[in-house]
Amino acid sequence: MRRRVKDCIEVSDYTSLDQLIGTLNAIRDSLPADAEPELRLRGDDVFGRRLSITYFRELSAEEADCEERYAAATLPATDGAIDQLREQLDAVDYEQPKRRMRRVA
């Protein structure tokens, strides 16, 4: 199963319009075809505003190696663990608290 991660590029607000257009074009051209990029304006007046571009990318070789190492360790533990937990929780007796009637004056 291939996995993709969401990555982010931030463009500061201190740039000319021509530079911004050039930067956005360069970013768009460098993204993979299935990146599903989104552009958002983030921040506020106190900390400043930034253009944030989020997109999906494939895992790098190092990330995939790390993911594979940890995924193999967690798979056997979760195989059926949710069903066991559900059975344990279904076995717990739970008594709903009685509702108190409020007096209306």
PDB file of N, CA and C in Angstrom:
ATOM      1  N   MET A   1       0.838  -1.181   0.000  1.00  0.00           N
ATOM      2  CA  MET A   1       0.000   0.000   0.000  1.00  0.00           C
ATOM      3  C   MET A   1       0.883   1.244   0.000  1.00  0.00           C
ATOM      4  N   ARG A   2       0.677   2.115  -0.965  1.00  0.00           N
ATOM      5  CA  ARG A   2       1.438   3.361  -1.022  1.00  0.00           C
ATOM      6  C   ARG A   2       0.784   4.384  -0.119  1.00  0.00           C
ATOM      7  N   ARG A   3       1.614   5.137   0.537  1.00  0.00           N
ATOM      8  CA  ARG A   3       1.095   6.151   1.436  1.00  0.00           C
ATOM      9  C   ARG A   3       1.655   7.498   1.023  1.00  0.00           C
ATOM     10  N   ARG A   4       0.825   8.523   1.135  1.00  0.00           N
ATOM     11  CA  ARG A   4       1.261   9.881   0.841  1.00  0.00           C
ATOM     12  C   ARG A   4       1.136  10.713   2.105  1.00  0.00           C
ATOM     13  N   VAL A   5       1.954  11.733   2.212  1.00  0.00           N
ATOM     14  CA  VAL A   5       1.902  12.633   3.353  1.00  0.00           C
ATOM     15  C   VAL A   5       1.580  14.033   2.854  1.00  0.00           C
ATOM     16  N   LYS A   6       1.016  14.829   3.749  1.00  0.00           N
ATOM     17  CA  LYS A   6       0.686  16.205   3.408  1.00  0.00           C
ATOM     18  C   LYS A   6       1.860  17.085   3.817  1.00  0.00           C
ATOM     19  N   ASP A   7       2.357  17.859   2.892  1.00  0.00           N
ATOM     20  CA  ASP A   7       3.480  18.750   3.141  1.00  0.00           C
ATOM     21  C   ASP A   7       3.023  20.187   2.954  1.00  0.00           C
ATOM     22  N   CYS A   8       3.840  21.135   3.396  1.00  0.00           N
ATOM     23  CA  CYS A   8       3.424  22.531   3.382  1.00  0.00           C
ATOM     24  C   CYS A   8       4.570  23.424   2.916  1.00  0.00           C
ATOM     25  N   ILE A   9       4.241  24.437   2.129  1.00  0.00           N
ATOM     26  CA  ILE A   9       5.182  25.476   1.727  1.00  0.00           C
ATOM     27  C   ILE A   9       4.557  26.791   2.151  1.00  0.00           C
ATOM     28  N   GLU A  10       5.337  27.642   2.814  1.00  0.00           N
ATOM     29  CA  GLU A  10       4.814  28.949   3.220  1.00  0.00           C
ATOM     30  C   GLU A  10       5.554  30.051   2.477  1.00  0.00           C
ATOM     31  N   VAL A  11       4.800  31.026   1.991  1.00  0.00           N
ATOM     32  CA  VAL A  11       5.352  32.174   1.284  1.00  0.00           C
ATOM     33  C   VAL A  11       5.076  33.393   2.147  1.00  0.00           C
ATOM     34  N   SER A  12       6.131  34.142   2.496  1.00  0.00           N
ATOM     35  CA  SER A  12       5.929  35.300   3.372  1.00  0.00           C
ATOM     36  C   SER A  12       5.192  36.405   2.623  1.00  0.00           C
ATOM     37  N   ASP A  13       4.644  37.347   3.374  1.00  0.00           N
ATOM     38  CA  ASP A  13       3.846  38.408   2.752  1.00  0.00           C
ATOM     39  C   ASP A  13       4.680  39.597   2.300  1.00  0.00           C
ATOM     40  N   TYR A  14       5.990  39.569   2.515  1.00  0.00           N
ATOM     41  CA  TYR A  14       6.838  40.693   2.128  1.00  0.00           C
ATOM     42  C   TYR A  14       7.491  40.416   0.780  1.00  0.00           C
ATOM     43  N   THR A  15       6.726  40.545  -0.276  1.00  0.00           N
ATOM     44  CA  THR A  15       7.240  40.319  -1.619  1.00  0.00           C
ATOM     45  C   THR A  15       6.395  41.108  -2.615  1.00  0.00           C
ATOM     46  N   SER A  16       6.978  41.351  -3.786  1.00  0.00           N
ATOM     47  CA  SER A  16       6.218  42.071  -4.805  1.00  0.00           C
ATOM     48  C   SER A  16       5.260  41.101  -5.486  1.00  0.00           C
ATOM     49  N   LEU A  17       4.282  41.647  -6.163  1.00  0.00           N
ATOM     50  CA  LEU A  17       3.288  40.825  -6.837  1.00  0.00           C
ATOM     51  C   LEU A  17       3.927  39.976  -7.931  1.00  0.00           C
ATOM     52  N   ASP A  18       4.864  40.568  -8.690  1.00  0.00           N
ATOM     53  CA  ASP A  18       5.529  39.816  -9.747  1.00  0.00           C
ATOM     54  C   ASP A  18       6.343  38.657  -9.171  1.00  0.00           C
ATOM     55  N   GLN A  19       7.023  38.906  -8.043  1.00  0.00           N
ATOM     56  CA  GLN A  19       7.789  37.842  -7.394  1.00  0.00           C
ATOM     57  C   GLN A  19       6.861  36.745  -6.893  1.00  0.00           C
ATOM     58  N   LEU A  20       5.733  37.134  -6.317  1.00  0.00           N
ATOM     59  CA  LEU A  20       4.768  36.167  -5.801  1.00  0.00           C
ATOM     60  C   LEU A  20       4.230  35.287  -6.934  1.00  0.00           C
ATOM     61  N   ILE A  21       3.873  35.895  -8.053  1.00  0.00           N
ATOM     62  CA  ILE A  21       3.365  35.130  -9.193  1.00  0.00           C
ATOM     63  C   ILE A  21       4.433  34.173  -9.707  1.00  0.00           C
ATOM     64  N   GLY A  22       5.666  34.650  -9.791  1.00  0.00           N
ATOM     65  CA  GLY A  22       6.762  33.788 -10.232  1.00  0.00           C
ATOM     66  C   GLY A  22       6.996  32.630  -9.278  1.00  0.00           C
ATOM     67  N   THR A  23       6.941  32.900  -7.968  1.00  0.00           N
ATOM     68  CA  THR A  23       7.123  31.857  -6.961  1.00  0.00           C
ATOM     69  C   THR A  23       6.009  30.824  -7.040  1.00  0.00           C
ATOM     70  N   LEU A  24       4.756  31.281  -7.151  1.00  0.00           N
ATOM     71  CA  LEU A  24       3.622  30.363  -7.234  1.00  0.00           C
ATOM     72  C   LEU A  24       3.692  29.511  -8.508  1.00  0.00           C
ATOM     73  N   ASN A  25       4.115  30.109  -9.617  1.00  0.00           N
ATOM     74  CA  ASN A  25       4.266  29.336 -10.858  1.00  0.00           C
ATOM     75  C   ASN A  25       5.347  28.277 -10.701  1.00  0.00           C
ATOM     76  N   ALA A  26       6.472  28.635 -10.078  1.00  0.00           N
ATOM     77  CA  ALA A  26       7.570  27.684  -9.886  1.00  0.00           C
ATOM     78  C   ALA A  26       7.129  26.534  -8.977  1.00  0.00           C
ATOM     79  N   ILE A  27       6.375  26.855  -7.933  1.00  0.00           N
ATOM     80  CA  ILE A  27       5.891  25.814  -7.018  1.00  0.00           C
ATOM     81  C   ILE A  27       4.925  24.893  -7.751  1.00  0.00           C
ATOM     82  N   ARG A  28       3.993  25.474  -8.506  1.00  0.00           N
ATOM     83  CA  ARG A  28       3.018  24.667  -9.240  1.00  0.00           C
ATOM     84  C   ARG A  28       3.709  23.733 -10.225  1.00  0.00           C
ATOM     85  N   ASP A  29       4.727  24.232 -10.926  1.00  0.00           N
ATOM     86  CA  ASP A  29       5.420  23.414 -11.914  1.00  0.00           C
ATOM     87  C   ASP A  29       6.238  22.299 -11.279  1.00  0.00           C
ATOM     88  N   SER A  30       6.650  22.471 -10.025  1.00  0.00           N
ATOM     89  CA  SER A  30       7.486  21.462  -9.381  1.00  0.00           C
ATOM     90  C   SER A  30       6.674  20.385  -8.655  1.00  0.00           C
ATOM     91  N   LEU A  31       5.378  20.595  -8.488  1.00  0.00           N
ATOM     92  CA  LEU A  31       4.555  19.620  -7.775  1.00  0.00           C
ATOM     93  C   LEU A  31       4.195  18.439  -8.671  1.00  0.00           C
ATOM     94  N   PRO A  32       4.058  17.236  -8.086  1.00  0.00           N
ATOM     95  CA  PRO A  32       3.619  16.088  -8.877  1.00  0.00           C
ATOM     96  C   PRO A  32       2.177  16.279  -9.361  1.00  0.00           C
ATOM     97  N   ALA A  33       1.783  15.501 -10.354  1.00  0.00           N
ATOM     98  CA  ALA A  33       0.458  15.652 -10.963  1.00  0.00           C
ATOM     99  C   ALA A  33      -0.674  15.364  -9.985  1.00  0.00           C
ATOM    100  N   ASP A  34      -0.490  14.424  -9.063  1.00  0.00           N
ATOM    101  CA  ASP A  34      -1.558  14.052  -8.125  1.00  0.00           C
ATOM    102  C   ASP A  34      -1.367  14.686  -6.750  1.00  0.00           C
ATOM    103  N   ALA A  35      -0.794  15.881  -6.703  1.00  0.00           N
ATOM    104  CA  ALA A  35      -0.472  16.528  -5.433  1.00  0.00           C
ATOM    105  C   ALA A  35      -1.687  17.133  -4.730  1.00  0.00           C
ATOM    106  N   GLU A  36      -2.743  17.461  -5.443  1.00  0.00           N
ATOM    107  CA  GLU A  36      -3.936  18.100  -4.899  1.00  0.00           C
ATOM    108  C   GLU A  36      -3.579  19.341  -4.058  1.00  0.00           C
ATOM    109  N   PRO A  37      -2.896  20.333  -4.644  1.00  0.00           N
ATOM    110  CA  PRO A  37      -2.466  21.496  -3.866  1.00  0.00           C
ATOM    111  C   PRO A  37      -3.630  22.398  -3.462  1.00  0.00           C
ATOM    112  N   GLU A  38      -3.475  23.036  -2.303  1.00  0.00           N
ATOM    113  CA  GLU A  38      -4.444  24.010  -1.799  1.00  0.00           C
ATOM    114  C   GLU A  38      -3.687  25.248  -1.348  1.00  0.00           C
ATOM    115  N   LEU A  39      -4.234  26.415  -1.625  1.00  0.00           N
ATOM    116  CA  LEU A  39      -3.624  27.677  -1.223  1.00  0.00           C
ATOM    117  C   LEU A  39      -4.516  28.327  -0.175  1.00  0.00           C
ATOM    118  N   ARG A  40      -3.916  28.725   0.950  1.00  0.00           N
ATOM    119  CA  ARG A  40      -4.683  29.383   2.010  1.00  0.00           C
ATOM    120  C   ARG A  40      -3.897  30.556   2.560  1.00  0.00           C
ATOM    121  N   LEU A  41      -4.604  31.550   3.026  1.00  0.00           N
ATOM    122  CA  LEU A  41      -4.004  32.673   3.710  1.00  0.00           C
ATOM    123  C   LEU A  41      -4.128  32.400   5.199  1.00  0.00           C
ATOM    124  N   ARG A  42      -2.989  32.347   5.890  1.00  0.00           N
ATOM    125  CA  ARG A  42      -3.006  32.025   7.321  1.00  0.00           C
ATOM    126  C   ARG A  42      -2.354  33.148   8.103  1.00  0.00           C
ATOM    127  N   GLY A  43      -2.652  33.174   9.395  1.00  0.00           N
ATOM    128  CA  GLY A  43      -2.042  34.150  10.277  1.00  0.00           C
ATOM    129  C   GLY A  43      -3.010  35.224  10.701  1.00  0.00           C
ATOM    130  N   ASP A  44      -2.449  36.248  11.320  1.00  0.00           N
ATOM    131  CA  ASP A  44      -3.259  37.370  11.788  1.00  0.00           C
ATOM    132  C   ASP A  44      -2.422  38.639  11.772  1.00  0.00           C
ATOM    133  N   ASP A  45      -3.008  39.734  12.264  1.00  0.00           N
ATOM    134  CA  ASP A  45      -2.314  41.020  12.239  1.00  0.00           C
ATOM    135  C   ASP A  45      -1.150  41.074  13.216  1.00  0.00           C
ATOM    136  N   VAL A  46      -1.197  40.291  14.267  1.00  0.00           N
ATOM    137  CA  VAL A  46      -0.139  40.322  15.282  1.00  0.00           C
ATOM    138  C   VAL A  46       1.095  39.571  14.803  1.00  0.00           C
ATOM    139  N   PHE A  47       0.917  38.336  14.353  1.00  0.00           N
ATOM    140  CA  PHE A  47       2.044  37.495  13.983  1.00  0.00           C
ATOM    141  C   PHE A  47       2.354  37.531  12.490  1.00  0.00           C
ATOM    142  N   GLY A  48       1.553  38.222  11.724  1.00  0.00           N
ATOM    143  CA  GLY A  48       1.777  38.317  10.291  1.00  0.00           C
ATOM    144  C   GLY A  48       0.968  37.292   9.523  1.00  0.00           C
ATOM    145  N   ARG A  49       0.850  37.529   8.244  1.00  0.00           N
ATOM    146  CA  ARG A  49       0.093  36.622   7.389  1.00  0.00           C
ATOM    147  C   ARG A  49       1.045  35.906   6.447  1.00  0.00           C
ATOM    148  N   ARG A  50       0.663  34.694   6.079  1.00  0.00           N
ATOM    149  CA  ARG A  50       1.454  33.895   5.159  1.00  0.00           C
ATOM    150  C   ARG A  50       0.526  33.162   4.200  1.00  0.00           C
ATOM    151  N   LEU A  51       1.009  33.000   2.986  1.00  0.00           N
ATOM    152  CA  LEU A  51       0.318  32.132   2.047  1.00  0.00           C
ATOM    153  C   LEU A  51       0.846  30.733   2.304  1.00  0.00           C
ATOM    154  N   SER A  52      -0.056  29.809   2.562  1.00  0.00           N
ATOM    155  CA  SER A  52       0.316  28.425   2.834  1.00  0.00           C
ATOM    156  C   SER A  52      -0.177  27.546   1.700  1.00  0.00           C
ATOM    157  N   ILE A  53       0.732  26.784   1.125  1.00  0.00           N
ATOM    158  CA  ILE A  53       0.381  25.848   0.074  1.00  0.00           C
ATOM    159  C   ILE A  53       0.583  24.446   0.637  1.00  0.00           C
ATOM    160  N   THR A  54      -0.493  23.693   0.735  1.00  0.00           N
ATOM    161  CA  THR A  54      -0.383  22.316   1.208  1.00  0.00           C
ATOM    162  C   THR A  54      -0.621  21.393   0.024  1.00  0.00           C
ATOM    163  N   TYR A  55       0.097  20.270   0.028  1.00  0.00           N
ATOM    164  CA  TYR A  55      -0.012  19.322  -1.072  1.00  0.00           C
ATOM    165  C   TYR A  55       0.377  17.933  -0.573  1.00  0.00           C
ATOM    166  N   PHE A  56      -0.026  16.921  -1.324  1.00  0.00           N
ATOM    167  CA  PHE A  56       0.329  15.553  -0.993  1.00  0.00           C
ATOM    168  C   PHE A  56       1.560  15.142  -1.794  1.00  0.00           C
ATOM    169  N   ARG A  57       2.424  14.363  -1.144  1.00  0.00           N
ATOM    170  CA  ARG A  57       3.603  13.833  -1.823  1.00  0.00           C
ATOM    171  C   ARG A  57       3.850  12.413  -1.349  1.00  0.00           C
ATOM    172  N   GLU A  58       4.598  11.671  -2.145  1.00  0.00           N
ATOM    173  CA  GLU A  58       4.973  10.311  -1.769  1.00  0.00           C
ATOM    174  C   GLU A  58       6.000  10.376  -0.641  1.00  0.00           C
ATOM    175  N   LEU A  59       6.070   9.325   0.154  1.00  0.00           N
ATOM    176  CA  LEU A  59       7.082   9.252   1.202  1.00  0.00           C
ATOM    177  C   LEU A  59       8.466   9.164   0.575  1.00  0.00           C
ATOM    178  N   SER A  60       9.442   9.808   1.224  1.00  0.00           N
ATOM    179  CA  SER A  60      10.818   9.658   0.764  1.00  0.00           C
ATOM    180  C   SER A  60      11.292   8.253   1.137  1.00  0.00           C
ATOM    181  N   ALA A  61      12.423   7.844   0.603  1.00  0.00           N
ATOM    182  CA  ALA A  61      12.941   6.495   0.884  1.00  0.00           C
ATOM    183  C   ALA A  61      13.199   6.315   2.379  1.00  0.00           C
ATOM    184  N   GLU A  62      13.744   7.341   3.010  1.00  0.00           N
ATOM    185  CA  GLU A  62      14.024   7.271   4.450  1.00  0.00           C
ATOM    186  C   GLU A  62      12.725   7.190   5.261  1.00  0.00           C
ATOM    187  N   GLU A  63      11.726   8.005   4.884  1.00  0.00           N
ATOM    188  CA  GLU A  63      10.436   7.978   5.579  1.00  0.00           C
ATOM    189  C   GLU A  63       9.728   6.636   5.387  1.00  0.00           C
ATOM    190  N   ALA A  64       9.792   6.089   4.172  1.00  0.00           N
ATOM    191  CA  ALA A  64       9.146   4.806   3.894  1.00  0.00           C
ATOM    192  C   ALA A  64       9.811   3.685   4.684  1.00  0.00           C
ATOM    193  N   ASP A  65      11.143   3.739   4.809  1.00  0.00           N
ATOM    194  CA  ASP A  65      11.868   2.733   5.584  1.00  0.00           C
ATOM    195  C   ASP A  65      11.458   2.790   7.048  1.00  0.00           C
ATOM    196  N   CYS A  66      11.394   3.995   7.595  1.00  0.00           N
ATOM    197  CA  CYS A  66      10.989   4.179   8.999  1.00  0.00           C
ATOM    198  C   CYS A  66       9.541   3.744   9.195  1.00  0.00           C
ATOM    199  N   GLU A  67       8.669   4.111   8.271  1.00  0.00           N
ATOM    200  CA  GLU A  67       7.255   3.738   8.342  1.00  0.00           C
ATOM    201  C   GLU A  67       7.091   2.219   8.321  1.00  0.00           C
ATOM    202  N   GLU A  68       7.835   1.574   7.437  1.00  0.00           N
ATOM    203  CA  GLU A  68       7.753   0.119   7.317  1.00  0.00           C
ATOM    204  C   GLU A  68       8.219  -0.568   8.595  1.00  0.00           C
ATOM    205  N   ARG A  69       9.286  -0.048   9.182  1.00  0.00           N
ATOM    206  CA  ARG A  69       9.829  -0.623  10.405  1.00  0.00           C
ATOM    207  C   ARG A  69       8.806  -0.550  11.542  1.00  0.00           C
ATOM    208  N   TYR A  70       8.166   0.603  11.714  1.00  0.00           N
ATOM    209  CA  TYR A  70       7.224   0.767  12.815  1.00  0.00           C
ATOM    210  C   TYR A  70       5.865   0.152  12.517  1.00  0.00           C
ATOM    211  N   ALA A  71       5.448   0.132  11.265  1.00  0.00           N
ATOM    212  CA  ALA A  71       4.160  -0.454  10.910  1.00  0.00           C
ATOM    213  C   ALA A  71       4.187  -1.955  11.150  1.00  0.00           C
ATOM    214  N   ALA A  72       5.313  -2.593  10.858  1.00  0.00           N
ATOM    215  CA  ALA A  72       5.426  -4.036  11.076  1.00  0.00           C
ATOM    216  C   ALA A  72       5.329  -4.368  12.566  1.00  0.00           C
ATOM    217  N   ALA A  73       5.807  -3.494  13.415  1.00  0.00           N
ATOM    218  CA  ALA A  73       5.769  -3.737  14.859  1.00  0.00           C
ATOM    219  C   ALA A  73       4.368  -3.546  15.432  1.00  0.00           C
ATOM    220  N   THR A  74       3.554  -2.703  14.840  1.00  0.00           N
ATOM    221  CA  THR A  74       2.232  -2.414  15.404  1.00  0.00           C
ATOM    222  C   THR A  74       1.112  -3.257  14.813  1.00  0.00           C
ATOM    223  N   LEU A  75       1.299  -3.819  13.636  1.00  0.00           N
ATOM    224  CA  LEU A  75       0.227  -4.588  13.004  1.00  0.00           C
ATOM    225  C   LEU A  75      -0.222  -5.798  13.810  1.00  0.00           C
ATOM    226  N   PRO A  76       0.673  -6.666  14.299  1.00  0.00           N
ATOM    227  CA  PRO A  76       0.188  -7.832  15.043  1.00  0.00           C
ATOM    228  C   PRO A  76      -0.573  -7.452  16.308  1.00  0.00           C
ATOM    229  N   ALA A  77      -0.193  -6.360  16.939  1.00  0.00           N
ATOM    230  CA  ALA A  77      -0.859  -5.953  18.177  1.00  0.00           C
ATOM    231  C   ALA A  77      -2.290  -5.480  17.920  1.00  0.00           C
ATOM    232  N   THR A  78      -2.550  -4.894  16.779  1.00  0.00           N
ATOM    233  CA  THR A  78      -3.887  -4.365  16.501  1.00  0.00           C
ATOM    234  C   THR A  78      -4.764  -5.358  15.757  1.00  0.00           C
ATOM    235  N   ASP A  79      -4.226  -6.497  15.370  1.00  0.00           N
ATOM    236  CA  ASP A  79      -4.995  -7.487  14.628  1.00  0.00           C
ATOM    237  C   ASP A  79      -6.048  -8.108  15.544  1.00  0.00           C
ATOM    238  N   GLY A  80      -7.266  -7.604  15.478  1.00  0.00           N
ATOM    239  CA  GLY A  80      -8.348  -8.119  16.319  1.00  0.00           C
ATOM    240  C   GLY A  80      -8.436  -7.451  17.680  1.00  0.00           C
ATOM    241  N   ALA A  81      -7.531  -6.548  17.989  1.00  0.00           N
ATOM    242  CA  ALA A  81      -7.541  -5.894  19.296  1.00  0.00           C
ATOM    243  C   ALA A  81      -8.793  -5.038  19.471  1.00  0.00           C
ATOM    244  N   ILE A  82      -9.275  -4.443  18.406  1.00  0.00           N
ATOM    245  CA  ILE A  82     -10.473  -3.604  18.497  1.00  0.00           C
ATOM    246  C   ILE A  82     -11.686  -4.468  18.817  1.00  0.00           C
ATOM    247  N   ASP A  83     -11.765  -5.638  18.195  1.00  0.00           N
ATOM    248  CA  ASP A  83     -12.879  -6.544  18.485  1.00  0.00           C
ATOM    249  C   ASP A  83     -12.837  -7.021  19.930  1.00  0.00           C
ATOM    250  N   GLN A  84     -11.645  -7.313  20.433  1.00  0.00           N
ATOM    251  CA  GLN A  84     -11.513  -7.742  21.833  1.00  0.00           C
ATOM    252  C   GLN A  84     -11.939  -6.628  22.782  1.00  0.00           C
ATOM    253  N   LEU A  85     -11.526  -5.422  22.482  1.00  0.00           N
ATOM    254  CA  LEU A  85     -11.908  -4.278  23.312  1.00  0.00           C
ATOM    255  C   LEU A  85     -13.410  -4.069  23.292  1.00  0.00           C
ATOM    256  N   ARG A  86     -14.010  -4.196  22.114  1.00  0.00           N
ATOM    257  CA  ARG A  86     -15.458  -4.024  21.989  1.00  0.00           C
ATOM    258  C   ARG A  86     -16.192  -5.072  22.832  1.00  0.00           C
ATOM    259  N   GLU A  87     -15.717  -6.307  22.796  1.00  0.00           N
ATOM    260  CA  GLU A  87     -16.337  -7.366  23.599  1.00  0.00           C
ATOM    261  C   GLU A  87     -16.213  -7.078  25.091  1.00  0.00           C
ATOM    262  N   GLN A  88     -15.049  -6.583  25.506  1.00  0.00           N
ATOM    263  CA  GLN A  88     -14.851  -6.258  26.921  1.00  0.00           C
ATOM    264  C   GLN A  88     -15.772  -5.123  27.355  1.00  0.00           C
ATOM    265  N   LEU A  89     -15.910  -4.122  26.508  1.00  0.00           N
ATOM    266  CA  LEU A  89     -16.766  -2.991  26.862  1.00  0.00           C
ATOM    267  C   LEU A  89     -18.235  -3.375  26.854  1.00  0.00           C
ATOM    268  N   ASP A  90     -18.629  -4.276  25.976  1.00  0.00           N
ATOM    269  CA  ASP A  90     -20.013  -4.733  25.952  1.00  0.00           C
ATOM    270  C   ASP A  90     -20.359  -5.538  27.198  1.00  0.00           C
ATOM    271  N   ALA A  91     -19.356  -6.150  27.811  1.00  0.00           N
ATOM    272  CA  ALA A  91     -19.585  -6.967  28.998  1.00  0.00           C
ATOM    273  C   ALA A  91     -19.732  -6.123  30.266  1.00  0.00           C
ATOM    274  N   VAL A  92     -19.354  -4.874  30.236  1.00  0.00           N
ATOM    275  CA  VAL A  92     -19.429  -4.005  31.412  1.00  0.00           C
ATOM    276  C   VAL A  92     -20.877  -3.585  31.639  1.00  0.00           C
ATOM    277  N   ASP A  93     -21.349  -3.776  32.884  1.00  0.00           N
ATOM    278  CA  ASP A  93     -22.698  -3.326  33.229  1.00  0.00           C
ATOM    279  C   ASP A  93     -22.657  -1.825  33.468  1.00  0.00           C
ATOM    280  N   TYR A  94     -23.533  -1.146  32.818  1.00  0.00           N
ATOM    281  CA  TYR A  94     -23.591   0.304  32.967  1.00  0.00           C
ATOM    282  C   TYR A  94     -25.016   0.688  33.303  1.00  0.00           C
ATOM    283  N   GLU A  95     -25.149   1.371  34.404  1.00  0.00           N
ATOM    284  CA  GLU A  95     -26.472   1.810  34.822  1.00  0.00           C
ATOM    285  C   GLU A  95     -26.575   3.308  34.594  1.00  0.00           C
ATOM    286  N   GLN A  96     -27.563   3.695  33.838  1.00  0.00           N
ATOM    287  CA  GLN A  96     -27.725   5.115  33.544  1.00  0.00           C
ATOM    288  C   GLN A  96     -28.172   5.852  34.802  1.00  0.00           C
ATOM    289  N   PRO A  97     -27.611   7.028  35.039  1.00  0.00           N
ATOM    290  CA  PRO A  97     -28.030   7.798  36.211  1.00  0.00           C
ATOM    291  C   PRO A  97     -29.487   8.235  36.068  1.00  0.00           C
ATOM    292  N   LYS A  98     -30.157   8.298  37.212  1.00  0.00           N
ATOM    293  CA  LYS A  98     -31.554   8.724  37.185  1.00  0.00           C
ATOM    294  C   LYS A  98     -31.612  10.233  36.977  1.00  0.00           C
ATOM    295  N   ARG A  99     -32.578  10.643  36.202  1.00  0.00           N
ATOM    296  CA  ARG A  99     -32.730  12.070  35.920  1.00  0.00           C
ATOM    297  C   ARG A  99     -33.523  12.708  37.035  1.00  0.00           C
ATOM    298  N   ARG A 100     -33.077  13.851  37.442  1.00  0.00           N
ATOM    299  CA  ARG A 100     -33.783  14.592  38.488  1.00  0.00           C
ATOM    300  C   ARG A 100     -34.771  15.539  37.829  1.00  0.00           C
ATOM    301  N   MET A 101     -35.901  15.651  38.445  1.00  0.00           N
ATOM    302  CA  MET A 101     -36.917  16.570  37.960  1.00  0.00           C
ATOM    303  C   MET A 101     -36.651  17.945  38.571  1.00  0.00           C
ATOM    304  N   ARG A 102     -36.666  18.945  37.758  1.00  0.00           N
ATOM    305  CA  ARG A 102     -36.489  20.302  38.238  1.00  0.00           C
ATOM    306  C   ARG A 102     -37.839  20.906  38.565  1.00  0.00           C
ATOM    307  N   ARG A 103     -37.872  21.626  39.662  1.00  0.00           N
ATOM    308  CA  ARG A 103     -39.125  22.290  40.007  1.00  0.00           C
ATOM    309  C   ARG A 103     -39.220  23.594  39.257  1.00  0.00           C
ATOM    310  N   VAL A 104     -40.390  23.853  38.764  1.00  0.00           N
ATOM    311  CA  VAL A 104     -40.638  25.107  38.069  1.00  0.00           C
ATOM    312  C   VAL A 104     -41.428  25.978  39.004  1.00  0.00           C
ATOM    313  N   ALA A 105     -40.912  27.159  39.273  1.00  0.00           N
ATOM    314  CA  ALA A 105     -41.569  28.044  40.235  1.00  0.00           C
ATOM    315  C   ALA A 105     -42.692  28.809  39.617  1.00  0.00           C
TER     316      ALA A 105
END
